[in-house]
Each structure stands twice: as structure tokens, then as C-alpha cells.
Amino acid sequence: MDNNQIEQKVRNFLLDEMMKDEVKNISNDDILMLDSIEQVEMRVFLEEEFSIVLDNQTEPFTTITQIIQIIHNN
């Protein structure tokens, strides 16, 4: 899966499931400002959607670019 496909899936999740409308207008390097509950929701989404296993040492998700890198690294 290429970066554009991953980005679109992440953005759709943020828009549809987390109701983060600001995602429409941010760059991949803008800070997402996810609270602790949203961090958990993102972790579950990534593990289920991309069939990856994230350990407890994974840093908090801050940008879409960072999320894409985490997916590629797992």
C-alpha cells in the first residue's frame, strides 16, 4: 500500500470516526492534537486496518506523516 492510500484511510478515519473536521485542511505534518482516548482509538484502528502490532512503547500519534512511518515500520 502506498503512502497516499494510507493517508486517505487515516484521514477518513479521523473524519468519520473521530469527527475531526479540521483534518480536511491540515498538512501531513501538522499536529493532530489527539487526546488520550483518541490515541487509543487510533491505535486500535491502525492495528485492525493495517494488521500491525503496536507495542506499548509506541510514541503518541502526533502527525499523519508519523502515523504513515509507524505503519511502514511494522
Protein backbone atom coordinates (compact mmCIF):
# COMPACT_ATOMS: atom_id res chain seq x y z
CA MET A 1 0.00 0.00 0.00
CA ASP A 2 1.43 3.39 -0.91
CA ASN A 3 1.59 6.50 1.26
CA ASN A 4 -1.37 8.16 -0.46
CA GLN A 5 -3.63 5.20 0.24
CA ILE A 6 -2.53 5.06 3.86
CA GLU A 7 -3.00 8.80 4.24
CA GLN A 8 -6.52 8.61 2.83
CA LYS A 9 -7.51 5.79 5.17
CA VAL A 10 -6.14 7.66 8.19
CA ARG A 11 -7.85 10.90 7.16
CA ASN A 12 -11.15 9.10 6.57
CA PHE A 13 -10.92 7.50 10.00
CA LEU A 14 -10.22 10.86 11.64
CA LEU A 15 -13.12 12.48 9.79
CA ASP A 16 -15.69 9.71 10.04
CA GLU A 17 -14.96 8.09 13.38
CA MET A 18 -13.37 10.86 15.43
CA MET A 19 -15.30 13.76 13.90
CA LYS A 20 -12.08 15.71 13.36
CA ASP A 21 -13.27 18.09 10.64
CA GLU A 22 -10.05 20.11 10.81
CA VAL A 23 -8.30 17.15 9.14
CA LYS A 24 -9.71 18.38 5.83
CA ASN A 25 -7.42 21.40 5.89
CA ILE A 26 -4.24 20.26 7.61
CA SER A 27 -0.98 19.12 6.11
CA ASN A 28 0.54 15.76 6.90
CA ASP A 29 2.99 17.46 9.26
CA ASP A 30 0.50 19.49 11.28
CA ILE A 31 -0.08 18.36 14.87
CA LEU A 32 -3.28 16.32 15.26
CA MET A 33 -3.95 17.14 18.94
CA LEU A 34 -5.39 13.73 19.86
CA ASP A 35 -6.36 13.26 23.49
CA SER A 36 -5.68 10.01 25.37
CA ILE A 37 -8.95 8.34 24.33
CA GLU A 38 -8.37 9.29 20.71
CA GLN A 39 -4.84 7.90 20.94
CA VAL A 40 -6.29 4.54 21.97
CA GLU A 41 -8.89 4.68 19.20
CA MET A 42 -6.17 5.42 16.66
CA ARG A 43 -4.05 2.54 17.96
CA VAL A 44 -6.96 0.10 17.61
CA PHE A 45 -7.78 1.40 14.13
CA LEU A 46 -4.18 1.03 12.94
CA GLU A 47 -3.82 -2.46 14.35
CA GLU A 48 -7.08 -3.63 12.78
CA GLU A 49 -6.89 -1.78 9.47
CA PHE A 50 -3.23 -2.42 8.69
CA SER A 51 -2.73 -5.74 10.52
CA ILE A 52 0.12 -4.41 12.62
CA VAL A 53 1.00 -4.87 16.27
CA LEU A 54 1.98 -1.77 18.19
CA ASP A 55 3.83 -2.18 21.44
CA ASN A 56 3.21 -0.03 24.48
CA GLN A 57 6.38 1.92 23.74
CA THR A 58 4.95 3.47 20.58
CA GLU A 59 5.01 7.24 20.91
CA PRO A 60 1.74 9.17 20.90
CA PHE A 61 0.42 9.81 17.41
CA THR A 62 1.11 13.43 16.51
CA THR A 63 1.04 13.81 12.71
CA ILE A 64 -0.21 11.91 9.71
CA THR A 65 3.39 11.63 8.48
CA GLN A 66 4.37 9.97 11.75
CA ILE A 67 1.44 7.54 11.52
CA ILE A 68 2.46 6.57 7.97
CA GLN A 69 6.01 5.90 9.16
CA ILE A 70 4.76 3.75 12.03
CA ILE A 71 2.70 1.66 9.60
CA HIS A 72 5.67 1.15 7.29
CA ASN A 73 7.91 0.20 10.21
CA ASN A 74 5.56 -2.52 11.48
